[in-house]
Amino acid sequence: MKAQILCIHLLNDFSGSPLILSQVVDGFLKQGYKVTIFTNQSEGFLSNIQNTSYKKNSYIYSTKRWITLFRFFLSQILLFISFLRYWNKDTIIYINTTLPFGAALAGKLMNKKVIYHVHETSIKPAIFKKFLFKILEWTADEAIYVSNFLQKQEPLKTNSHIIYNALSNKFLAEIKNAEAAKETFNILMLCSLKKYKGVDEFVNLANILSTINFDLVLNADKNEIAEYFKNQKIPSNLNIHPKQKNVHSFYQKANLVTNLSRPDLWVETFGMTALEAMAYGIPVIVPPVGGIAEIVNNNINGFHID
C-alpha cells in the first residue's frame, strides 16, 4: 500500500504556484496515492479536487505587514502541531513554495520524507528569506526548482533538480482557435494585484495607447480592485476583471500578452501566463531576467523588455 502524501500550500488562489500543485496532486492520484491537502479556505485552483481530503490551514492574508507576519508564524505553529498526528503513519510531506516551514520542521522531527517545490526567490525582508531557505536546506530530502534560473539563484546542498512547469492536458484540450479577424488590437495581462507585478505600468500604457484595447485580469476580488484604483482614473480602453477560474475567453481575443513584472522589485522564476499565451500562438512581452526569460526566445515567440 502506497504512502499517504500530505500536500501543503499556504494561500489558495488563482495564481501559478497553486495551479502547479493541483497538477502535481492529479499526478499523485493517478499513481494511486492517497492525498491530503493543507491549505486555507479561499477559492482557487486547489479547491474541490476530487478524491482528496482537506485540512484547513489557518493563515489569513492582511494588507498590514506586521499583522500578516504574526498570522503567518501562528499558522506555522498550528501546522507543526497538526502534522505531529501523522507520527506513526506512512506519509510523505510535499511542501509547495518555501513558506510552510512548520510542516518541514514536523517532517524532520518525525523522520518523514520532505519534498519542497520551490517557486520563488523574491522574498522580503532578506532575513526572512534566509530563515526560510535555511530550514528548507536542513529539512528537505529533495527540492524541485521550476527553472534553471531559480536553481542557480538559490543553490542548495540538498538533492535537487529542475522540473519546468507545464500546461495541463485539460487546459490544452480547451484551446480554441482565436477569431481570424479582429476589429481592434487587444493586449492582455493576467497577474496578482501587486505594484511589483507592473499593474500601474499596464494602466499607463492604456492611457498612452488610446486606440488599443487592454484587458487586465487580476487575482483579486472586486472590492480589492476598487480599493487599489480608488484614486486613479481608468481609461475607457482598459477593462479590469476580477479573478477568473477559466481564462480561455481572454486568450481567444488577445493579440499580445504581457508580463510587466518589475525586475527591481520582483523576479519571475517562471511565468504560466506566458506559456498559456504561446499555446494559443500569441506573442508575449516578458522581463529580460528570471525563469520567464528562459521559456521565451527573444524576437522569436516574444520579446524581452524591462
Protein backbone atom coordinates (compact mmCIF):
# COMPACT_ATOMS: atom_id res chain seq x y z
CA MET A 1 0.00 0.00 0.00
CA LYS A 2 1.40 3.39 -1.05
CA ALA A 3 2.23 6.12 1.46
CA GLN A 4 -0.16 8.98 2.05
CA ILE A 5 1.08 12.29 0.65
CA LEU A 6 0.44 15.44 2.67
CA CYS A 7 0.49 18.48 0.37
CA ILE A 8 0.72 21.92 1.92
CA HIS A 9 0.19 25.29 0.23
CA LEU A 10 -0.35 28.40 2.31
CA LEU A 11 -2.71 30.60 0.28
CA ASN A 12 -5.08 29.01 -2.22
CA ASP A 13 -5.90 31.33 -5.13
CA PHE A 14 -5.75 31.50 -8.94
CA SER A 15 -2.01 32.16 -9.22
CA GLY A 16 0.70 29.95 -10.70
CA SER A 17 2.01 28.01 -7.69
CA PRO A 18 -1.36 26.53 -6.56
CA LEU A 19 -2.11 25.76 -10.22
CA ILE A 20 1.07 23.69 -10.45
CA LEU A 21 0.34 21.93 -7.16
CA SER A 22 -3.13 21.00 -8.45
CA GLN A 23 -1.41 19.29 -11.40
CA VAL A 24 1.03 17.53 -9.05
CA VAL A 25 -1.89 16.28 -6.94
CA ASP A 26 -3.58 14.97 -10.07
CA GLY A 27 -0.41 13.04 -10.88
CA PHE A 28 -0.26 11.56 -7.37
CA LEU A 29 -3.89 10.44 -7.59
CA LYS A 30 -3.30 8.75 -10.95
CA GLN A 31 -0.41 6.83 -9.38
CA GLY A 32 -2.70 5.55 -6.64
CA TYR A 33 -1.54 7.70 -3.74
CA LYS A 34 -3.91 8.95 -1.07
CA VAL A 35 -3.60 12.76 -0.89
CA THR A 36 -4.47 15.23 1.84
CA ILE A 37 -4.24 18.95 1.01
CA PHE A 38 -3.49 21.50 3.72
CA THR A 39 -4.50 24.99 2.57
CA ASN A 40 -6.76 27.89 3.52
CA GLN A 41 -10.46 28.03 2.64
CA SER A 42 -10.30 30.70 -0.06
CA GLU A 43 -11.32 29.74 -3.60
CA GLY A 44 -8.56 28.79 -6.00
CA PHE A 45 -7.01 26.05 -8.11
CA LEU A 46 -6.74 23.75 -5.08
CA SER A 47 -10.46 23.91 -4.30
CA ASN A 48 -12.73 20.87 -4.63
CA ILE A 49 -10.22 18.42 -6.12
CA GLN A 50 -11.96 15.06 -6.25
CA ASN A 51 -10.68 12.02 -4.34
CA THR A 52 -8.61 14.12 -1.93
CA SER A 53 -9.18 15.11 1.68
CA TYR A 54 -8.66 18.62 3.05
CA LYS A 55 -7.28 20.09 6.24
CA LYS A 56 -7.80 23.77 6.93
CA ASN A 57 -4.74 25.99 7.23
CA SER A 58 -5.47 28.98 9.49
CA TYR A 59 -3.39 31.55 7.58
CA ILE A 60 -5.24 34.75 6.57
CA TYR A 61 -3.56 37.46 4.50
CA SER A 62 -3.73 41.08 5.64
CA THR A 63 -2.73 44.29 3.88
CA LYS A 64 -0.91 45.28 7.08
CA ARG A 65 2.55 43.75 7.05
CA TRP A 66 3.01 43.03 10.76
CA ILE A 67 -0.45 41.50 11.10
CA THR A 68 0.34 39.24 8.15
CA LEU A 69 3.67 38.26 9.74
CA PHE A 70 2.00 37.43 13.06
CA ARG A 71 -0.69 35.36 11.37
CA PHE A 72 1.92 33.60 9.29
CA PHE A 73 4.04 32.44 12.24
CA LEU A 74 0.93 31.48 14.22
CA SER A 75 -0.28 29.38 11.28
CA GLN A 76 3.09 27.60 11.14
CA ILE A 77 2.97 26.74 14.83
CA LEU A 78 -0.51 25.27 14.38
CA LEU A 79 0.62 23.50 11.21
CA PHE A 80 3.57 21.95 13.04
CA ILE A 81 1.26 20.64 15.78
CA SER A 82 -1.31 19.27 13.32
CA PHE A 83 1.35 17.34 11.38
CA LEU A 84 2.53 15.54 14.51
CA ARG A 85 -0.62 13.40 14.39
CA TYR A 86 0.99 11.55 11.45
CA TRP A 87 3.96 10.39 13.57
CA ASN A 88 3.09 6.70 13.32
CA LYS A 89 1.68 6.82 9.80
CA ASP A 90 3.41 6.16 6.48
CA THR A 91 3.47 9.64 4.97
CA ILE A 92 5.41 11.87 2.58
CA ILE A 93 5.31 15.64 3.08
CA TYR A 94 5.13 17.74 -0.10
CA ILE A 95 5.64 21.47 0.52
CA ASN A 96 4.64 23.94 -2.21
CA THR A 97 6.73 27.20 -2.06
CA THR A 98 9.23 27.87 0.73
CA LEU A 99 6.69 29.40 3.14
CA PRO A 100 5.10 26.43 5.04
CA PHE A 101 8.17 25.73 7.18
CA GLY A 102 6.07 24.36 10.07
CA ALA A 103 5.32 21.24 8.01
CA ALA A 104 9.02 20.84 7.17
CA LEU A 105 10.09 21.01 10.82
CA ALA A 106 7.44 18.45 11.78
CA GLY A 107 8.59 16.17 8.98
CA LYS A 108 12.21 16.43 10.11
CA LEU A 109 11.25 15.64 13.71
CA MET A 110 9.18 12.62 12.64
CA ASN A 111 11.85 11.44 10.17
CA LYS A 112 9.44 11.66 7.23
CA LYS A 113 10.44 12.28 3.64
CA VAL A 114 10.13 16.01 2.91
CA ILE A 115 9.91 17.33 -0.66
CA TYR A 116 9.96 21.05 -1.44
CA HIS A 117 8.62 22.52 -4.69
CA VAL A 118 10.49 25.83 -4.92
CA HIS A 119 8.77 28.58 -6.92
CA GLU A 120 10.13 31.87 -5.61
CA THR A 121 13.22 33.97 -4.98
CA SER A 122 11.82 37.48 -4.34
CA ILE A 123 11.13 37.19 -0.60
CA LYS A 124 11.44 40.19 1.71
CA PRO A 125 12.86 41.07 4.13
CA ALA A 126 16.18 39.37 3.37
CA ILE A 127 16.48 37.90 6.89
CA PHE A 128 13.09 36.19 6.46
CA LYS A 129 14.19 34.72 3.13
CA LYS A 130 17.43 33.46 4.66
CA PHE A 131 15.44 31.85 7.50
CA LEU A 132 13.11 30.03 5.10
CA PHE A 133 15.87 28.71 2.86
CA LYS A 134 17.96 27.55 5.85
CA ILE A 135 15.01 25.48 7.07
CA LEU A 136 14.47 24.17 3.54
CA GLU A 137 18.10 23.06 3.25
CA TRP A 138 18.07 21.45 6.72
CA THR A 139 14.78 19.57 6.37
CA ALA A 140 14.34 18.71 2.68
CA ASP A 141 15.20 15.30 1.28
CA GLU A 142 14.54 16.63 -2.18
CA ALA A 143 13.95 20.04 -3.77
CA ILE A 144 12.29 20.75 -7.10
CA TYR A 145 13.03 24.02 -8.92
CA VAL A 146 10.74 25.47 -11.59
CA SER A 147 13.57 26.90 -13.70
CA ASN A 148 17.30 26.81 -14.29
CA PHE A 149 17.49 30.45 -13.20
CA LEU A 150 15.97 29.64 -9.83
CA GLN A 151 18.34 26.74 -9.19
CA LYS A 152 21.34 28.99 -9.89
CA GLN A 153 19.86 31.85 -7.88
CA GLU A 154 19.08 29.72 -4.80
CA PRO A 155 21.58 26.82 -4.80
CA LEU A 156 21.08 24.14 -2.14
CA LYS A 157 23.26 21.37 -0.76
CA THR A 158 20.27 19.02 -0.65
CA ASN A 159 19.31 16.75 -3.57
CA SER A 160 17.66 18.99 -6.16
CA HIS A 161 16.61 19.08 -9.79
CA ILE A 162 14.60 21.16 -12.26
CA ILE A 163 11.09 20.34 -13.45
CA TYR A 164 9.70 23.07 -15.67
CA ASN A 165 6.05 23.95 -15.22
CA ALA A 166 3.73 22.69 -17.92
CA LEU A 167 0.19 23.18 -19.13
CA SER A 168 -2.30 20.53 -18.15
CA ASN A 169 -3.98 18.33 -20.73
CA LYS A 170 -7.27 19.88 -19.63
CA PHE A 171 -6.05 23.38 -20.48
CA LEU A 172 -4.69 22.28 -23.85
CA ALA A 173 -7.94 20.49 -24.68
CA GLU A 174 -9.91 23.71 -24.12
CA ILE A 175 -7.83 25.80 -26.51
CA LYS A 176 -9.88 27.05 -29.41
CA ASN A 177 -8.69 28.96 -32.43
CA ALA A 178 -8.91 32.70 -31.99
CA GLU A 179 -11.08 34.64 -34.38
CA ALA A 180 -9.43 35.10 -37.76
CA ALA A 181 -10.19 38.82 -37.97
CA LYS A 182 -10.35 41.27 -35.09
CA GLU A 183 -11.59 44.82 -35.38
CA THR A 184 -9.22 46.11 -32.71
CA PHE A 185 -5.83 45.15 -31.33
CA ASN A 186 -6.16 43.56 -27.87
CA ILE A 187 -3.44 43.45 -25.21
CA LEU A 188 -3.90 41.15 -22.22
CA MET A 189 -2.18 40.84 -18.85
CA LEU A 190 -3.07 38.38 -16.08
CA CYS A 191 -1.40 38.85 -12.69
CA SER A 192 -1.77 39.42 -8.96
CA LEU A 193 -2.87 42.85 -7.76
CA LYS A 194 0.61 43.96 -6.72
CA LYS A 195 2.61 47.03 -7.68
CA TYR A 196 5.67 44.89 -8.40
CA LYS A 197 3.66 42.96 -11.00
CA GLY A 198 3.54 46.05 -13.23
CA VAL A 199 -0.14 46.86 -12.75
CA ASP A 200 0.45 50.63 -12.77
CA GLU A 201 2.64 50.37 -15.88
CA PHE A 202 -0.15 48.48 -17.67
CA VAL A 203 -2.63 51.25 -16.82
CA ASN A 204 -0.16 53.86 -18.06
CA LEU A 205 0.24 52.00 -21.35
CA ALA A 206 -3.54 52.00 -21.79
CA ASN A 207 -3.56 55.77 -21.24
CA ILE A 208 -0.84 56.28 -23.86
CA LEU A 209 -2.17 53.83 -26.47
CA SER A 210 -5.77 55.00 -26.58
CA THR A 211 -6.66 53.24 -29.86
CA ILE A 212 -5.78 49.79 -28.47
CA ASN A 213 -7.94 47.66 -26.19
CA PHE A 214 -6.43 46.48 -22.90
CA ASP A 215 -7.68 43.67 -20.65
CA LEU A 216 -6.30 43.30 -17.12
CA VAL A 217 -7.29 40.11 -15.29
CA LEU A 218 -6.34 40.33 -11.61
CA ASN A 219 -6.11 37.65 -8.94
CA ALA A 220 -8.32 39.76 -6.65
CA ASP A 221 -11.98 40.36 -5.91
CA LYS A 222 -13.99 43.45 -6.90
CA ASN A 223 -13.59 45.16 -3.51
CA GLU A 224 -9.80 44.77 -3.58
CA ILE A 225 -9.69 46.16 -7.11
CA ALA A 226 -11.88 49.13 -6.20
CA GLU A 227 -9.66 49.93 -3.21
CA TYR A 228 -6.45 49.76 -5.25
CA PHE A 229 -7.72 52.03 -8.04
CA LYS A 230 -9.85 54.39 -5.93
CA ASN A 231 -7.60 57.39 -6.63
CA GLN A 232 -6.90 56.56 -10.27
CA LYS A 233 -8.79 57.38 -13.43
CA ILE A 234 -9.18 54.26 -15.51
CA PRO A 235 -9.03 54.90 -19.28
CA SER A 236 -12.04 53.83 -21.33
CA ASN A 237 -9.98 51.38 -23.40
CA LEU A 238 -8.96 49.39 -20.31
CA ASN A 239 -11.20 46.66 -18.92
CA ILE A 240 -10.29 45.37 -15.45
CA HIS A 241 -11.58 41.94 -14.46
CA PRO A 242 -11.60 40.17 -11.04
CA LYS A 243 -10.13 36.71 -10.50
CA GLN A 244 -11.24 34.09 -13.02
CA LYS A 245 -11.30 30.33 -12.80
CA ASN A 246 -11.34 29.99 -16.60
CA VAL A 247 -9.32 32.44 -18.69
CA HIS A 248 -9.72 30.96 -22.17
CA SER A 249 -12.13 33.65 -23.36
CA PHE A 250 -9.47 36.30 -22.69
CA TYR A 251 -6.74 34.47 -24.60
CA GLN A 252 -9.09 33.84 -27.52
CA LYS A 253 -9.39 37.56 -28.30
CA ALA A 254 -5.84 38.64 -27.37
CA ASN A 255 -3.21 39.69 -29.93
CA LEU A 256 -0.47 40.22 -27.38
CA VAL A 257 0.07 39.08 -23.77
CA THR A 258 2.36 40.95 -21.39
CA ASN A 259 4.14 40.26 -18.13
CA LEU A 260 5.33 43.63 -16.83
CA SER A 261 6.82 42.48 -13.53
CA ARG A 262 9.47 44.94 -12.36
CA PRO A 263 12.85 43.14 -12.04
CA ASP A 264 13.96 45.67 -9.40
CA LEU A 265 11.12 44.53 -7.13
CA TRP A 266 10.17 41.01 -8.24
CA VAL A 267 11.93 38.43 -10.40
CA GLU A 268 9.67 35.97 -12.21
CA THR A 269 11.01 32.44 -11.73
CA PHE A 270 8.71 31.01 -14.41
CA GLY A 271 5.51 32.58 -15.81
CA MET A 272 2.50 30.40 -16.56
CA THR A 273 0.64 33.16 -18.44
CA ALA A 274 3.46 33.33 -21.00
CA LEU A 275 3.21 29.58 -21.50
CA GLU A 276 -0.58 29.75 -21.84
CA ALA A 277 -0.33 32.60 -24.36
CA MET A 278 2.19 30.74 -26.52
CA ALA A 279 -0.08 27.68 -26.51
CA TYR A 280 -2.59 29.98 -28.21
CA GLY A 281 0.05 31.20 -30.67
CA ILE A 282 0.12 34.65 -29.07
CA PRO A 283 3.43 36.54 -28.79
CA VAL A 284 4.42 37.76 -25.33
CA ILE A 285 6.39 40.58 -23.73
CA VAL A 286 8.27 39.41 -20.64
CA PRO A 287 11.06 40.75 -18.37
CA PRO A 288 14.64 40.20 -19.59
CA VAL A 289 15.67 38.28 -16.45
CA GLY A 290 14.44 35.29 -14.46
CA GLY A 291 12.98 31.93 -15.35
CA ILE A 292 10.34 33.51 -17.57
CA ALA A 293 13.11 34.67 -19.93
CA GLU A 294 14.15 31.01 -20.35
CA ILE A 295 10.85 29.99 -21.94
CA VAL A 296 10.60 32.98 -24.29
CA ASN A 297 13.08 33.25 -27.15
CA ASN A 298 13.67 36.96 -27.72
CA ASN A 299 12.41 38.17 -31.14
CA ILE A 300 11.08 34.68 -31.97
CA ASN A 301 7.98 33.92 -29.86
CA GLY A 302 8.10 37.12 -27.85
CA PHE A 303 10.25 39.95 -26.56
CA HIS A 304 12.42 40.53 -23.51
CA ILE A 305 11.66 44.08 -22.35
CA ASP A 306 12.27 45.74 -18.98
